[in-house]
């Protein structure tokens, strides 16, 4: 039996701010249980809903040297979906209203979490073969593993895998403060280890010390070796390209299933969507106060409202997007300029634009189940889960060819009648608009072709099963 420990800052169903939580919470369920014992460790945040906290069982507690003091480490345990989750309990660090705050406080909090995640293992009697860390919040685990913990017999043969979900977020601060917080020796803070551009850089430390690095799509693994996508670490990514692979994310096909989804007024599948899906559109139009018209081309956009998601292109073309034969439904929060822009257009075109400036998981499902097309014109996109959900629900994606969007959406070819969506290559507002107009033309004037695109979209498999086999191969190799 091979033992694997996932170390992550969030995991569904306990706490979620983004796609990382979906990966940490649902991927472990997809491994072959006869060969792999996969467990997950996350912080015990106060923000975890009370009904989950009440189910946790006390496992043990001890004290650990950290930041020049003796710090309490409590361990709670809960089995969920057949997977054992450990929760690290320390109210000083995890008592906030949300999992992430800002600046040096988060750096200290997640340095504590990384060290505690290794320290609990002898206490709970779990000796993993591979420790699999996710994003900058946990990347000190490989650093501690190869420095502070390397002498003990218990830890000496453990391998560390690090998955980059988004290279943009790195965890940087001045080296003096980070040395004091982490307790790591001064010789680690050099340009070939934890220092980048005169700052201490958590992510860089993980990239240097991990035995293997993965990213969440094959294209993104190639892109981050280039300066534009490399966020200042492209040289290191090229240097470590021999231990770098891109393994595509998946989604939980039980949770995202239009045939059983409790959020949808009308359930449907790949056979009967032609008759039934439109009823979800009419229900959503009524719910949001849009004009009830089953023939209107409805575009969905569920996203963080930031520059990364290509919303400057959308802002530039907003009047053209909101033409009379289109409805646009937006769900998400983010930069104030985009929140207010969508509010403005919802006021300007109340029968065509619905701006939902909040996040609701249930409403996101209804948007996937009701819209005809789904817009994702991202500047960069390590993997993206929204396009996978829209494919699953037969909502045709319109994407820019970058990262995971390029790997998962096959562009429509009218001559060969192939493809699962529409895409454009250059980061250009007019090119995006041309692609939206082309999709609209196929929807209105070539309805049979449009339905065949949906047939192909709903037939592709982006469940976790494929990705889990790739990770299993990686663990075996290590």
Protein backbone atom coordinates (compact mmCIF):
# COMPACT_ATOMS: atom_id res chain seq x y z
CA UNK A 1 0.00 0.00 0.00
CA UNK A 2 1.45 3.36 -1.05
CA UNK A 3 0.72 6.19 1.37
CA UNK A 4 0.10 9.73 0.10
CA UNK A 5 -0.52 12.90 2.13
CA UNK A 6 -2.18 15.91 0.49
CA UNK A 7 -1.23 19.18 2.22
CA UNK A 8 -3.47 22.08 1.20
CA UNK A 9 -4.79 25.36 2.58
CA UNK A 10 -8.40 24.54 1.62
CA UNK A 11 -10.52 21.56 0.57
CA UNK A 12 -14.18 20.99 -0.26
CA UNK A 13 -16.59 20.56 1.40
CA UNK A 14 -14.99 22.23 4.43
CA UNK A 15 -13.60 25.51 3.10
CA UNK A 16 -13.40 26.86 -0.44
CA UNK A 17 -12.24 30.10 -2.09
CA UNK A 18 -11.27 28.67 -5.50
CA UNK A 19 -10.43 25.67 -7.65
CA UNK A 20 -7.66 24.49 -5.30
CA UNK A 21 -10.33 23.36 -2.81
CA UNK A 22 -12.02 21.22 -5.49
CA UNK A 23 -8.71 19.50 -6.27
CA UNK A 24 -7.72 18.85 -2.64
CA UNK A 25 -11.20 17.65 -1.66
CA UNK A 26 -12.25 15.55 -4.67
CA UNK A 27 -9.08 14.20 -6.35
CA UNK A 28 -8.16 11.93 -3.36
CA UNK A 29 -11.47 10.06 -3.77
CA UNK A 30 -10.48 9.00 -7.31
CA UNK A 31 -7.36 6.98 -6.49
CA UNK A 32 -7.32 3.19 -6.53
CA UNK A 33 -8.14 2.35 -2.89
CA UNK A 34 -6.45 -1.08 -3.16
CA UNK A 35 -3.07 0.48 -3.88
CA UNK A 36 -3.15 4.01 -2.43
CA UNK A 37 -3.98 5.25 1.06
CA UNK A 38 -4.52 8.98 0.45
CA UNK A 39 -5.16 11.37 3.35
CA UNK A 40 -5.53 15.15 3.48
CA UNK A 41 -4.38 17.74 6.03
CA UNK A 42 -5.77 21.31 6.13
CA UNK A 43 -5.99 24.01 8.84
CA UNK A 44 -8.96 23.94 11.22
CA UNK A 45 -10.27 27.40 10.40
CA UNK A 46 -12.99 29.02 12.44
CA UNK A 47 -14.64 29.73 9.06
CA UNK A 48 -15.33 26.00 8.52
CA UNK A 49 -19.12 25.54 8.97
CA UNK A 50 -20.10 24.48 12.46
CA UNK A 51 -21.79 21.22 11.40
CA UNK A 52 -18.44 19.97 10.06
CA UNK A 53 -16.51 21.15 13.12
CA UNK A 54 -18.97 19.32 15.39
CA UNK A 55 -18.25 16.02 13.60
CA UNK A 56 -14.46 16.25 14.06
CA UNK A 57 -12.89 13.93 16.61
CA UNK A 58 -9.95 14.94 18.79
CA UNK A 59 -6.88 12.88 17.88
CA UNK A 60 -3.91 14.34 19.79
CA UNK A 61 -2.06 17.53 20.68
CA UNK A 62 1.56 18.52 21.35
CA UNK A 63 3.86 21.56 21.35
CA UNK A 64 6.24 22.52 18.55
CA UNK A 65 9.11 25.01 18.36
CA UNK A 66 8.11 27.76 15.95
CA UNK A 67 9.02 31.45 15.53
CA UNK A 68 11.15 31.28 18.68
CA UNK A 69 8.28 29.99 20.85
CA UNK A 70 6.66 26.74 21.87
CA UNK A 71 3.38 26.59 19.88
CA UNK A 72 0.33 24.40 20.48
CA UNK A 73 -0.59 21.94 17.69
CA UNK A 74 -3.93 20.18 18.00
CA UNK A 75 -5.01 17.44 15.60
CA UNK A 76 -8.67 16.77 14.77
CA UNK A 77 -9.84 14.03 12.44
CA UNK A 78 -12.87 13.40 10.23
CA UNK A 79 -13.57 10.82 7.56
CA UNK A 80 -15.44 12.26 4.58
CA UNK A 81 -16.24 10.51 1.30
CA UNK A 82 -14.03 7.59 2.33
CA UNK A 83 -11.01 9.87 2.84
CA UNK A 84 -9.40 10.66 6.20
CA UNK A 85 -8.94 14.41 6.77
CA UNK A 86 -6.67 15.81 9.49
CA UNK A 87 -7.29 19.35 10.74
CA UNK A 88 -4.53 21.32 12.45
CA UNK A 89 -5.98 23.25 15.35
CA UNK A 90 -4.46 26.48 16.63
CA UNK A 91 -6.82 29.34 17.38
CA UNK A 92 -4.04 31.94 17.38
CA UNK A 93 -3.45 31.32 13.66
CA UNK A 94 -6.78 30.03 12.33
CA UNK A 95 -9.37 32.07 14.23
CA UNK A 96 -10.01 34.61 11.44
CA UNK A 97 -13.31 35.01 9.58
CA UNK A 98 -11.73 33.89 6.30
CA UNK A 99 -8.84 31.57 5.42
CA UNK A 100 -6.62 34.21 3.81
CA UNK A 101 -5.78 37.63 5.11
CA UNK A 102 -2.78 39.64 4.01
CA UNK A 103 0.93 40.21 4.14
CA UNK A 104 3.29 38.84 6.74
CA UNK A 105 0.50 37.38 8.90
CA UNK A 106 -0.44 34.85 6.18
CA UNK A 107 3.24 34.04 5.67
CA UNK A 108 3.64 33.22 9.36
CA UNK A 109 0.35 31.32 9.52
CA UNK A 110 1.16 29.04 6.60
CA UNK A 111 4.78 28.53 7.67
CA UNK A 112 3.35 27.27 10.98
CA UNK A 113 0.88 25.07 9.09
CA UNK A 114 3.63 23.60 6.85
CA UNK A 115 5.83 22.68 9.80
CA UNK A 116 2.87 21.34 11.79
CA UNK A 117 1.70 19.19 8.83
CA UNK A 118 5.01 17.28 9.00
CA UNK A 119 5.20 17.29 12.82
CA UNK A 120 1.82 15.57 13.27
CA UNK A 121 2.76 12.51 11.17
CA UNK A 122 4.62 10.48 13.86
CA UNK A 123 1.91 11.51 16.35
CA UNK A 124 -0.95 10.10 14.22
CA UNK A 125 1.06 7.08 13.04
CA UNK A 126 0.94 7.89 9.32
CA UNK A 127 4.21 7.68 7.37
CA UNK A 128 3.52 8.79 3.78
CA UNK A 129 5.74 7.77 0.86
CA UNK A 130 4.83 11.02 -0.92
CA UNK A 131 3.80 14.38 0.52
CA UNK A 132 1.85 16.28 -2.13
CA UNK A 133 1.77 20.06 -1.53
CA UNK A 134 -0.44 22.63 -3.24
CA UNK A 135 0.39 26.28 -3.99
CA UNK A 136 2.54 28.75 -2.04
CA UNK A 137 0.73 28.25 1.28
CA UNK A 138 2.23 24.75 1.68
CA UNK A 139 5.49 24.88 -0.29
CA UNK A 140 7.66 25.19 2.82
CA UNK A 141 6.83 21.52 3.43
CA UNK A 142 9.53 20.32 0.94
CA UNK A 143 11.96 22.88 2.42
CA UNK A 144 11.39 21.69 6.01
CA UNK A 145 11.40 18.06 4.85
CA UNK A 146 14.87 18.39 3.25
CA UNK A 147 16.38 20.54 6.05
CA UNK A 148 14.91 20.41 9.59
CA UNK A 149 13.32 16.96 9.25
CA UNK A 150 15.83 15.11 7.04
CA UNK A 151 17.88 13.52 9.84
CA UNK A 152 15.14 11.45 11.43
CA UNK A 153 14.57 7.89 10.15
CA UNK A 154 10.81 8.55 9.98
CA UNK A 155 11.15 11.30 7.34
CA UNK A 156 14.32 10.32 5.48
CA UNK A 157 12.72 8.50 2.52
CA UNK A 158 9.67 10.74 1.97
CA UNK A 159 9.34 12.38 -1.44
CA UNK A 160 7.73 15.78 -2.01
CA UNK A 161 5.53 16.68 -4.98
CA UNK A 162 4.51 20.27 -5.49
CA UNK A 163 1.56 21.37 -7.62
CA UNK A 164 1.41 24.93 -8.94
CA UNK A 165 -2.20 26.02 -9.29
CA UNK A 166 -1.24 29.62 -10.12
CA UNK A 167 2.37 30.79 -10.38
CA UNK A 168 1.34 34.42 -9.84
CA UNK A 169 0.92 33.94 -6.08
CA UNK A 170 4.32 33.26 -4.51
CA UNK A 171 4.43 34.35 -0.85
CA UNK A 172 7.20 36.98 -0.71
CA UNK A 173 8.57 39.18 2.08
CA UNK A 174 11.92 40.49 3.31
CA UNK A 175 14.40 37.71 4.22
CA UNK A 176 15.10 38.90 7.78
CA UNK A 177 11.47 38.62 8.90
CA UNK A 178 11.00 35.30 7.12
CA UNK A 179 14.11 33.85 8.80
CA UNK A 180 12.74 34.88 12.19
CA UNK A 181 9.30 33.41 11.43
CA UNK A 182 10.34 30.13 9.83
CA UNK A 183 13.44 29.39 11.90
CA UNK A 184 15.19 28.34 8.69
CA UNK A 185 18.98 28.91 8.60
CA UNK A 186 20.53 31.92 6.87
CA UNK A 187 22.31 29.80 4.23
CA UNK A 188 18.91 28.94 2.67
CA UNK A 189 18.26 32.59 1.75
CA UNK A 190 20.46 32.76 -1.36
CA UNK A 191 19.50 33.23 -5.04
CA UNK A 192 19.80 29.48 -5.75
CA UNK A 193 17.37 28.59 -2.94
CA UNK A 194 14.74 30.77 -1.20
CA UNK A 195 15.71 34.25 -2.37
CA UNK A 196 14.34 35.87 -5.53
CA UNK A 197 15.04 39.51 -6.46
CA UNK A 198 16.24 40.32 -2.89
CA UNK A 199 13.03 38.93 -1.32
CA UNK A 200 12.41 35.67 0.47
CA UNK A 201 10.09 33.66 -1.79
CA UNK A 202 8.14 30.68 -0.40
CA UNK A 203 7.16 29.33 -3.81
CA UNK A 204 10.73 29.39 -5.05
CA UNK A 205 11.81 27.34 -2.04
CA UNK A 206 9.25 24.69 -2.90
CA UNK A 207 10.28 24.68 -6.56
CA UNK A 208 13.93 24.16 -5.58
CA UNK A 209 13.37 21.46 -2.95
CA UNK A 210 10.45 19.41 -4.35
CA UNK A 211 11.33 16.06 -5.92
CA UNK A 212 8.78 16.66 -8.65
CA UNK A 213 6.70 19.65 -9.78
CA UNK A 214 3.33 19.47 -11.49
CA UNK A 215 1.03 22.13 -12.88
CA UNK A 216 -2.65 21.76 -13.64
CA UNK A 217 -2.48 21.54 -17.44
CA UNK A 218 0.14 20.50 -20.06
CA UNK A 219 0.01 23.87 -21.88
CA UNK A 220 0.53 25.86 -18.65
CA UNK A 221 3.58 23.65 -17.87
CA UNK A 222 5.09 24.89 -21.14
CA UNK A 223 3.91 28.50 -20.78
CA UNK A 224 5.55 29.07 -17.38
CA UNK A 225 8.98 28.45 -18.92
CA UNK A 226 8.48 31.74 -20.83
CA UNK A 227 8.95 35.24 -19.36
CA UNK A 228 5.37 36.40 -20.05
CA UNK A 229 3.80 33.60 -17.98
CA UNK A 230 6.76 32.79 -15.72
CA UNK A 231 6.16 35.56 -13.15
CA UNK A 232 9.92 36.05 -12.68
CA UNK A 233 10.56 32.34 -12.10
CA UNK A 234 10.70 31.21 -15.75
CA UNK A 235 14.48 30.58 -15.52
CA UNK A 236 13.95 28.22 -12.58
CA UNK A 237 11.08 26.48 -14.39
CA UNK A 238 13.35 25.88 -17.39
CA UNK A 239 16.10 24.59 -15.10
CA UNK A 240 13.68 22.13 -13.49
CA UNK A 241 11.85 21.18 -16.70
CA UNK A 242 13.16 17.59 -16.36
CA UNK A 243 11.09 17.22 -13.17
CA UNK A 244 8.04 19.18 -14.37
CA UNK A 245 4.82 17.78 -15.80
CA UNK A 246 1.38 19.16 -16.56
CA UNK A 247 -1.52 17.01 -15.36
CA UNK A 248 -4.93 18.35 -16.26
CA UNK A 249 -7.42 19.06 -13.49
CA UNK A 250 -10.81 17.38 -13.50
CA UNK A 251 -14.17 17.93 -11.84
CA UNK A 252 -16.39 15.74 -9.70
CA UNK A 253 -18.86 14.26 -12.19
CA UNK A 254 -21.24 13.29 -9.39
CA UNK A 255 -21.53 16.87 -8.15
CA UNK A 256 -21.63 18.42 -11.63
CA UNK A 257 -24.28 16.30 -13.30
CA UNK A 258 -27.21 17.96 -15.14
CA UNK A 259 -29.22 14.75 -14.79
CA UNK A 260 -29.22 14.84 -10.97
CA UNK A 261 -28.26 18.44 -10.04
CA UNK A 262 -30.69 19.62 -7.31
CA UNK A 263 -30.06 23.28 -8.27
CA UNK A 264 -31.65 22.86 -11.71
CA UNK A 265 -35.43 23.32 -12.13
CA UNK A 266 -35.31 20.91 -15.10
CA UNK A 267 -32.92 17.94 -15.17
CA UNK A 268 -31.54 16.83 -18.55
CA UNK A 269 -28.90 14.65 -20.16
CA UNK A 270 -26.98 14.28 -23.43
CA UNK A 271 -30.00 12.69 -25.13
CA UNK A 272 -32.90 14.98 -24.14
CA UNK A 273 -31.14 18.38 -23.70
CA UNK A 274 -32.76 19.71 -26.92
CA UNK A 275 -36.19 19.70 -25.27
CA UNK A 276 -35.35 20.22 -21.62
CA UNK A 277 -32.38 22.58 -21.27
CA UNK A 278 -34.41 25.55 -22.54
CA UNK A 279 -36.75 25.24 -19.53
CA UNK A 280 -33.80 26.10 -17.29
CA UNK A 281 -33.16 29.18 -19.44
CA UNK A 282 -36.76 30.38 -19.04
CA UNK A 283 -36.62 29.75 -15.28
CA UNK A 284 -33.35 31.70 -14.95
CA UNK A 285 -34.71 34.60 -17.03
CA UNK A 286 -37.69 34.80 -14.71
CA UNK A 287 -35.52 34.51 -11.57
CA UNK A 288 -33.20 37.32 -12.71
CA UNK A 289 -35.85 39.62 -14.20
CA UNK A 290 -34.62 39.30 -17.78
CA UNK A 291 -36.91 39.19 -20.81
CA UNK A 292 -38.43 35.69 -21.00
CA UNK A 293 -37.52 34.51 -24.48
CA UNK A 294 -36.22 31.00 -25.16
CA UNK A 295 -34.66 32.11 -28.47
CA UNK A 296 -32.33 34.76 -27.02
CA UNK A 297 -28.63 33.77 -27.11
CA UNK A 298 -27.71 33.63 -23.42
CA UNK A 299 -24.04 33.92 -22.39
CA UNK A 300 -22.88 33.05 -18.86
CA UNK A 301 -19.81 34.38 -17.05
CA UNK A 302 -18.96 32.92 -13.62
CA UNK A 303 -15.61 34.23 -12.49
CA UNK A 304 -13.43 36.22 -10.18
CA UNK A 305 -13.75 39.71 -11.64
CA UNK A 306 -10.06 40.45 -12.25
CA UNK A 307 -7.71 41.36 -15.09
CA UNK A 308 -6.41 37.77 -15.23
CA UNK A 309 -9.85 36.62 -16.38
CA UNK A 310 -9.77 38.84 -19.49
CA UNK A 311 -12.39 41.26 -18.22
CA UNK A 312 -10.60 44.27 -19.72
CA UNK A 313 -11.49 42.77 -23.12
CA UNK A 314 -15.10 42.34 -22.01
CA UNK A 315 -15.22 45.93 -20.70
CA UNK A 316 -13.93 47.27 -24.03
CA UNK A 317 -16.63 45.41 -25.99
CA UNK A 318 -19.49 45.53 -23.53
CA UNK A 319 -21.91 47.56 -25.66
CA UNK A 320 -21.37 45.26 -28.65
CA UNK A 321 -21.74 42.12 -26.49
CA UNK A 322 -25.05 43.40 -25.14
CA UNK A 323 -26.72 43.61 -28.56
CA UNK A 324 -30.48 43.09 -28.77
CA UNK A 325 -30.32 39.37 -29.54
CA UNK A 326 -28.06 38.50 -26.56
CA UNK A 327 -28.49 38.15 -22.80
CA UNK A 328 -25.47 38.20 -20.45
CA UNK A 329 -25.56 36.69 -16.95
CA UNK A 330 -22.58 37.51 -14.69
CA UNK A 331 -21.82 35.94 -11.30
CA UNK A 332 -18.80 36.75 -9.13
CA UNK A 333 -16.87 39.32 -7.13
CA UNK A 334 -13.50 40.98 -7.57
CA UNK A 335 -12.08 44.35 -8.59
CA UNK A 336 -14.44 47.26 -7.93
CA UNK A 337 -14.01 48.63 -11.47
CA UNK A 338 -15.45 45.42 -12.96
CA UNK A 339 -18.14 45.00 -10.32
CA UNK A 340 -19.35 48.54 -11.04
CA UNK A 341 -19.04 48.10 -14.80
CA UNK A 342 -21.38 45.11 -14.77
CA UNK A 343 -23.79 46.91 -12.41
CA UNK A 344 -23.84 49.86 -14.82
CA UNK A 345 -24.70 47.68 -17.82
CA UNK A 346 -27.37 45.83 -15.83
CA UNK A 347 -28.91 49.26 -15.17
CA UNK A 348 -28.48 50.33 -18.83
CA UNK A 349 -29.89 47.07 -20.29
CA UNK A 350 -32.14 45.62 -17.55
CA UNK A 351 -33.80 43.12 -19.91
CA UNK A 352 -30.44 41.84 -21.28
CA UNK A 353 -27.82 41.96 -18.49
CA UNK A 354 -27.95 40.45 -15.01
CA UNK A 355 -25.08 41.41 -12.66
CA UNK A 356 -24.90 39.11 -9.63
CA UNK A 357 -22.02 40.66 -7.69
CA UNK A 358 -21.70 37.94 -5.06
CA UNK A 359 -20.95 34.24 -5.14
CA UNK A 360 -23.53 31.48 -4.89
CA UNK A 361 -22.65 27.88 -5.69
CA UNK A 362 -26.30 27.10 -6.37
CA UNK A 363 -26.73 29.99 -8.78
CA UNK A 364 -23.53 29.05 -10.60
CA UNK A 365 -25.02 25.60 -11.26
CA UNK A 366 -28.19 27.23 -12.60
CA UNK A 367 -26.12 29.42 -14.94
CA UNK A 368 -24.23 26.37 -16.28
CA UNK A 369 -27.56 24.58 -16.73
CA UNK A 370 -29.40 27.47 -18.43
CA UNK A 371 -27.01 29.39 -20.69
CA UNK A 372 -26.27 28.63 -24.34
CA UNK A 373 -22.62 29.74 -24.20
CA UNK A 374 -20.02 30.42 -21.51
CA UNK A 375 -17.38 33.18 -21.86
CA UNK A 376 -13.77 32.76 -20.57
CA UNK A 377 -11.38 35.16 -22.39
CA UNK A 378 -8.56 34.74 -19.84
CA UNK A 379 -5.17 36.46 -20.09
CA UNK A 380 -3.72 33.30 -18.53
CA UNK A 381 -5.47 30.26 -17.08
CA UNK A 382 -3.43 27.49 -15.39
CA UNK A 383 -6.32 25.06 -15.87
CA UNK A 384 -9.73 26.58 -15.30
CA UNK A 385 -12.65 24.54 -14.02
CA UNK A 386 -15.55 26.65 -15.33
CA UNK A 387 -15.07 25.51 -18.92
CA UNK A 388 -15.08 21.87 -17.75
CA UNK A 389 -18.36 22.47 -15.94
CA UNK A 390 -19.88 24.22 -18.95
CA UNK A 391 -18.86 21.31 -21.24
CA UNK A 392 -20.48 18.90 -18.78
CA UNK A 393 -23.72 20.92 -18.86
CA UNK A 394 -23.77 21.35 -22.64
CA UNK A 395 -23.10 25.09 -22.39
CA UNK A 396 -20.73 25.88 -25.25
CA UNK A 397 -17.47 27.54 -24.05
CA UNK A 398 -16.01 30.61 -25.80
CA UNK A 399 -12.38 30.81 -24.62
CA UNK A 400 -8.96 32.24 -25.33
CA UNK A 401 -6.35 29.64 -26.26
CA UNK A 402 -4.17 29.69 -23.15
CA UNK A 403 -3.23 27.15 -20.46
CA UNK A 404 -5.92 24.63 -19.63
CA UNK A 405 -8.46 26.36 -21.87
CA UNK A 406 -6.39 25.37 -24.87
CA UNK A 407 -6.06 21.79 -23.59
CA UNK A 408 -9.76 21.23 -22.88
CA UNK A 409 -11.78 23.14 -25.50
CA UNK A 410 -11.45 21.91 -29.09
CA UNK A 411 -12.32 24.81 -31.46
CA UNK A 412 -15.30 24.29 -33.76
CA UNK A 413 -14.42 23.47 -37.37
CA UNK A 414 -17.42 23.98 -39.63
CA UNK A 415 -15.83 22.08 -42.56
CA UNK A 416 -15.14 18.89 -40.63
CA UNK A 417 -18.00 19.28 -38.13
CA UNK A 418 -15.65 18.83 -35.15
CA UNK A 419 -15.01 20.76 -31.95
CA UNK A 420 -16.58 21.34 -28.53
CA UNK A 421 -16.48 25.15 -28.34
CA UNK A 422 -15.12 28.37 -29.84
CA UNK A 423 -11.70 29.89 -29.25
CA UNK A 424 -9.44 32.77 -30.26
CA UNK A 425 -5.65 33.00 -30.02
CA UNK A 426 -4.56 36.61 -29.49
CA UNK A 427 -5.36 38.67 -26.41
CA UNK A 428 -7.43 41.12 -28.41
CA UNK A 429 -10.91 42.51 -27.75
CA UNK A 430 -11.95 42.56 -31.43
CA UNK A 431 -10.83 38.96 -31.91
CA UNK A 432 -12.90 37.97 -28.88
CA UNK A 433 -15.89 39.84 -30.30
CA UNK A 434 -15.52 38.14 -33.70
CA UNK A 435 -15.53 34.76 -31.95
CA UNK A 436 -18.68 35.63 -29.95
CA UNK A 437 -20.37 36.77 -33.17
CA UNK A 438 -19.34 33.58 -34.95
CA UNK A 439 -20.79 31.49 -32.10
CA UNK A 440 -23.97 33.57 -32.24
CA UNK A 441 -24.24 32.99 -36.02
CA UNK A 442 -23.94 29.20 -35.57
CA UNK A 443 -26.53 29.32 -32.76
CA UNK A 444 -29.11 31.27 -34.77
CA UNK A 445 -28.49 30.14 -38.35
CA UNK A 446 -27.07 26.61 -38.04
CA UNK A 447 -28.99 25.15 -35.12
CA UNK A 448 -28.31 21.52 -36.04
CA UNK A 449 -24.57 22.23 -36.03
CA UNK A 450 -24.92 23.98 -32.66
CA UNK A 451 -26.63 20.94 -31.18
CA UNK A 452 -23.90 18.67 -32.56
CA UNK A 453 -21.30 20.86 -30.75
CA UNK A 454 -23.27 20.24 -27.54
CA UNK A 455 -23.38 16.49 -28.29
CA UNK A 456 -19.60 16.42 -28.55
CA UNK A 457 -19.13 18.69 -25.50
CA UNK A 458 -21.27 16.47 -23.27
CA UNK A 459 -19.47 13.34 -24.52
CA UNK A 460 -15.94 14.37 -23.45
CA UNK A 461 -14.70 13.06 -20.09
CA UNK A 462 -12.96 15.50 -17.78
CA UNK A 463 -13.77 13.62 -14.60
CA UNK A 464 -10.98 13.04 -12.07
CA UNK A 465 -10.46 9.43 -13.21
CA UNK A 466 -8.08 10.32 -16.06
CA UNK A 467 -6.01 12.73 -13.92
CA UNK A 468 -5.87 10.30 -11.00
CA UNK A 469 -4.23 7.64 -13.22
CA UNK A 470 -1.51 10.16 -14.19
CA UNK A 471 -0.86 11.05 -10.54
CA UNK A 472 -0.76 7.34 -9.63
CA UNK A 473 1.95 6.81 -12.29
CA UNK A 474 3.90 9.75 -10.87
CA UNK A 475 3.70 8.43 -7.28
CA UNK A 476 4.85 4.97 -8.40
CA UNK A 477 7.79 6.46 -10.30
CA UNK A 478 8.88 8.49 -7.27
